[in-house]
Amino acid sequence: VLPRVLGETGCRRGEVFNLRWENVDLTQRRICFRWTKSGKPYHVPMTDTLVRLLSALPSLGQSEWVFPDDTGKAPMKAERFYVARFVPAVRRAGLTPRWRTS
């Protein structure tokens, strides 16, 4: 789901990994990114697909983080996601894993 959210929002990886549910408004269909690289908050409208993806996440109502770590008490680390989830999924698809780092 996380790669789809990155693609749907066009946001930076760190902004999505640190996203809190309090900044997601499923009713108004927008996400507010408050802690950004530029230091300026901005809003992103949500597509139907993005609303559907986020609404189905198990962290909804269970964690303050949209993409929590295994404890649910902190955001998932990008490096952990890459090693534990992204690389295995890409390899299962028969592709070479690549992750833009800048």
C-alpha atoms as a PDB file:
ATOM      1  CA  VAL A   1       0.000   0.000   0.000  1.00  0.00           C
ATOM      2  CA  LEU A   2       2.764   2.440   0.874  1.00  0.00           C
ATOM      3  CA  PRO A   3       4.221   2.624  -2.663  1.00  0.00           C
ATOM      4  CA  ARG A   4       0.709   3.301  -3.994  1.00  0.00           C
ATOM      5  CA  VAL A   5       0.234   6.103  -1.450  1.00  0.00           C
ATOM      6  CA  LEU A   6       3.575   7.594  -2.495  1.00  0.00           C
ATOM      7  CA  GLY A   7       2.473   7.480  -6.127  1.00  0.00           C
ATOM      8  CA  GLU A   8      -1.027   8.829  -5.454  1.00  0.00           C
ATOM      9  CA  THR A   9       0.221  11.786  -3.400  1.00  0.00           C
ATOM     10  CA  GLY A  10       3.514  12.562  -5.146  1.00  0.00           C
ATOM     11  CA  CYS A  11       4.918  13.376  -1.708  1.00  0.00           C
ATOM     12  CA  ARG A  12       8.357  12.748  -0.335  1.00  0.00           C
ATOM     13  CA  ARG A  13       8.995   9.387   1.279  1.00  0.00           C
ATOM     14  CA  GLY A  14       9.765  10.902   4.690  1.00  0.00           C
ATOM     15  CA  GLU A  15       6.538  12.898   4.648  1.00  0.00           C
ATOM     16  CA  VAL A  16       4.462   9.782   4.030  1.00  0.00           C
ATOM     17  CA  PHE A  17       6.365   7.604   6.536  1.00  0.00           C
ATOM     18  CA  ASN A  18       5.785  10.249   9.246  1.00  0.00           C
ATOM     19  CA  LEU A  19       2.133  10.835   8.417  1.00  0.00           C
ATOM     20  CA  ARG A  20      -0.274  10.844  11.373  1.00  0.00           C
ATOM     21  CA  TRP A  21      -3.972  10.082  11.182  1.00  0.00           C
ATOM     22  CA  GLU A  22      -4.751  13.490  12.693  1.00  0.00           C
ATOM     23  CA  ASN A  23      -3.500  14.995   9.410  1.00  0.00           C
ATOM     24  CA  VAL A  24      -5.678  12.787   7.205  1.00  0.00           C
ATOM     25  CA  ASP A  25      -9.242  13.951   6.600  1.00  0.00           C
ATOM     26  CA  LEU A  26     -11.094  11.148   4.842  1.00  0.00           C
ATOM     27  CA  THR A  27     -14.348  13.150   4.844  1.00  0.00           C
ATOM     28  CA  GLN A  28     -12.875  16.285   3.267  1.00  0.00           C
ATOM     29  CA  ARG A  29     -10.574  14.051   1.177  1.00  0.00           C
ATOM     30  CA  ARG A  30      -7.302  15.816   1.903  1.00  0.00           C
ATOM     31  CA  ILE A  31      -4.029  15.234   3.686  1.00  0.00           C
ATOM     32  CA  CYS A  32      -2.115  17.964   5.451  1.00  0.00           C
ATOM     33  CA  PHE A  33       1.637  17.466   5.458  1.00  0.00           C
ATOM     34  CA  ARG A  34       2.850  19.665   8.330  1.00  0.00           C
ATOM     35  CA  TRP A  35       6.475  18.576   8.760  1.00  0.00           C
ATOM     36  CA  THR A  36       8.088  18.947   5.369  1.00  0.00           C
ATOM     37  CA  LYS A  37      11.598  19.283   4.011  1.00  0.00           C
ATOM     38  CA  SER A  38      10.846  22.875   2.997  1.00  0.00           C
ATOM     39  CA  GLY A  39       9.418  23.651   6.428  1.00  0.00           C
ATOM     40  CA  LYS A  40       6.129  24.760   4.869  1.00  0.00           C
ATOM     41  CA  PRO A  41       2.969  22.708   5.388  1.00  0.00           C
ATOM     42  CA  TYR A  42       0.800  21.887   2.394  1.00  0.00           C
ATOM     43  CA  HIS A  43      -2.393  19.990   1.556  1.00  0.00           C
ATOM     44  CA  VAL A  44      -2.862  17.204  -0.960  1.00  0.00           C
ATOM     45  CA  PRO A  45      -6.305  16.285  -2.288  1.00  0.00           C
ATOM     46  CA  MET A  46      -7.126  12.575  -2.145  1.00  0.00           C
ATOM     47  CA  THR A  47      -8.265  10.554  -5.134  1.00  0.00           C
ATOM     48  CA  ASP A  48     -10.942   7.878  -4.779  1.00  0.00           C
ATOM     49  CA  THR A  49      -8.166   5.288  -4.863  1.00  0.00           C
ATOM     50  CA  LEU A  50      -6.237   6.993  -2.074  1.00  0.00           C
ATOM     51  CA  VAL A  51      -9.335   7.281   0.130  1.00  0.00           C
ATOM     52  CA  ARG A  52     -10.019   3.572  -0.421  1.00  0.00           C
ATOM     53  CA  LEU A  53      -6.403   2.572   0.326  1.00  0.00           C
ATOM     54  CA  LEU A  54      -6.136   4.624   3.514  1.00  0.00           C
ATOM     55  CA  SER A  55      -9.595   3.623   4.769  1.00  0.00           C
ATOM     56  CA  ALA A  56      -8.588  -0.039   4.593  1.00  0.00           C
ATOM     57  CA  LEU A  57      -5.353   0.301   6.574  1.00  0.00           C
ATOM     58  CA  PRO A  58      -5.317  -1.653   9.860  1.00  0.00           C
ATOM     59  CA  SER A  59      -3.638   1.283  11.628  1.00  0.00           C
ATOM     60  CA  LEU A  60      -6.833   3.379  11.285  1.00  0.00           C
ATOM     61  CA  GLY A  61      -8.143   3.755  14.825  1.00  0.00           C
ATOM     62  CA  GLN A  62      -5.290   1.650  16.223  1.00  0.00           C
ATOM     63  CA  SER A  63      -2.234   3.912  15.965  1.00  0.00           C
ATOM     64  CA  GLU A  64      -1.580   7.629  15.644  1.00  0.00           C
ATOM     65  CA  TRP A  65       0.653   6.784  12.659  1.00  0.00           C
ATOM     66  CA  VAL A  66      -0.711   5.907   9.237  1.00  0.00           C
ATOM     67  CA  PHE A  67       2.279   3.609   8.660  1.00  0.00           C
ATOM     68  CA  PRO A  68       3.390   2.529  12.149  1.00  0.00           C
ATOM     69  CA  ASP A  69       6.287   0.303  13.107  1.00  0.00           C
ATOM     70  CA  ASP A  70       5.601  -3.140  14.596  1.00  0.00           C
ATOM     71  CA  THR A  71       4.862  -1.633  18.028  1.00  0.00           C
ATOM     72  CA  GLY A  72       2.339   0.855  16.629  1.00  0.00           C
ATOM     73  CA  LYS A  73       3.928   3.569  18.767  1.00  0.00           C
ATOM     74  CA  ALA A  74       6.260   5.132  16.211  1.00  0.00           C
ATOM     75  CA  PRO A  75       6.359   5.619  12.448  1.00  0.00           C
ATOM     76  CA  MET A  76       7.827   2.859  10.320  1.00  0.00           C
ATOM     77  CA  LYS A  77      11.432   3.520   9.323  1.00  0.00           C
ATOM     78  CA  ALA A  78      12.041   3.834   5.580  1.00  0.00           C
ATOM     79  CA  GLU A  79      15.080   1.549   5.750  1.00  0.00           C
ATOM     80  CA  ARG A  80      13.096  -1.163   7.526  1.00  0.00           C
ATOM     81  CA  PHE A  81      10.306  -0.953   4.947  1.00  0.00           C
ATOM     82  CA  TYR A  82      12.821  -1.199   2.117  1.00  0.00           C
ATOM     83  CA  VAL A  83      14.581  -4.282   3.484  1.00  0.00           C
ATOM     84  CA  ALA A  84      11.624  -6.134   4.991  1.00  0.00           C
ATOM     85  CA  ARG A  85       8.838  -5.383   2.527  1.00  0.00           C
ATOM     86  CA  PHE A  86       9.849  -3.552  -0.636  1.00  0.00           C
ATOM     87  CA  VAL A  87      12.816  -5.682  -1.749  1.00  0.00           C
ATOM     88  CA  PRO A  88      11.067  -9.044  -1.202  1.00  0.00           C
ATOM     89  CA  ALA A  89       7.937  -7.870  -3.067  1.00  0.00           C
ATOM     90  CA  VAL A  90       9.951  -6.538  -5.988  1.00  0.00           C
ATOM     91  CA  ARG A  91      11.986  -9.751  -6.207  1.00  0.00           C
ATOM     92  CA  ARG A  92       8.803 -11.872  -6.124  1.00  0.00           C
ATOM     93  CA  ALA A  93       7.655  -9.855  -9.123  1.00  0.00           C
ATOM     94  CA  GLY A  94      10.895 -10.761 -10.918  1.00  0.00           C
ATOM     95  CA  LEU A  95      12.211  -7.202 -10.901  1.00  0.00           C
ATOM     96  CA  THR A  96      15.376  -5.542  -9.643  1.00  0.00           C
ATOM     97  CA  PRO A  97      14.826  -3.483  -6.493  1.00  0.00           C
ATOM     98  CA  ARG A  98      15.585   0.220  -6.840  1.00  0.00           C
ATOM     99  CA  TRP A  99      14.812   2.943  -4.370  1.00  0.00           C
ATOM    100  CA  ARG A 100      15.392   6.600  -5.076  1.00  0.00           C
ATOM    101  CA  THR A 101      17.358   8.016  -2.160  1.00  0.00           C
ATOM    102  CA  SER A 102      17.241  11.727  -2.908  1.00  0.00           C
END
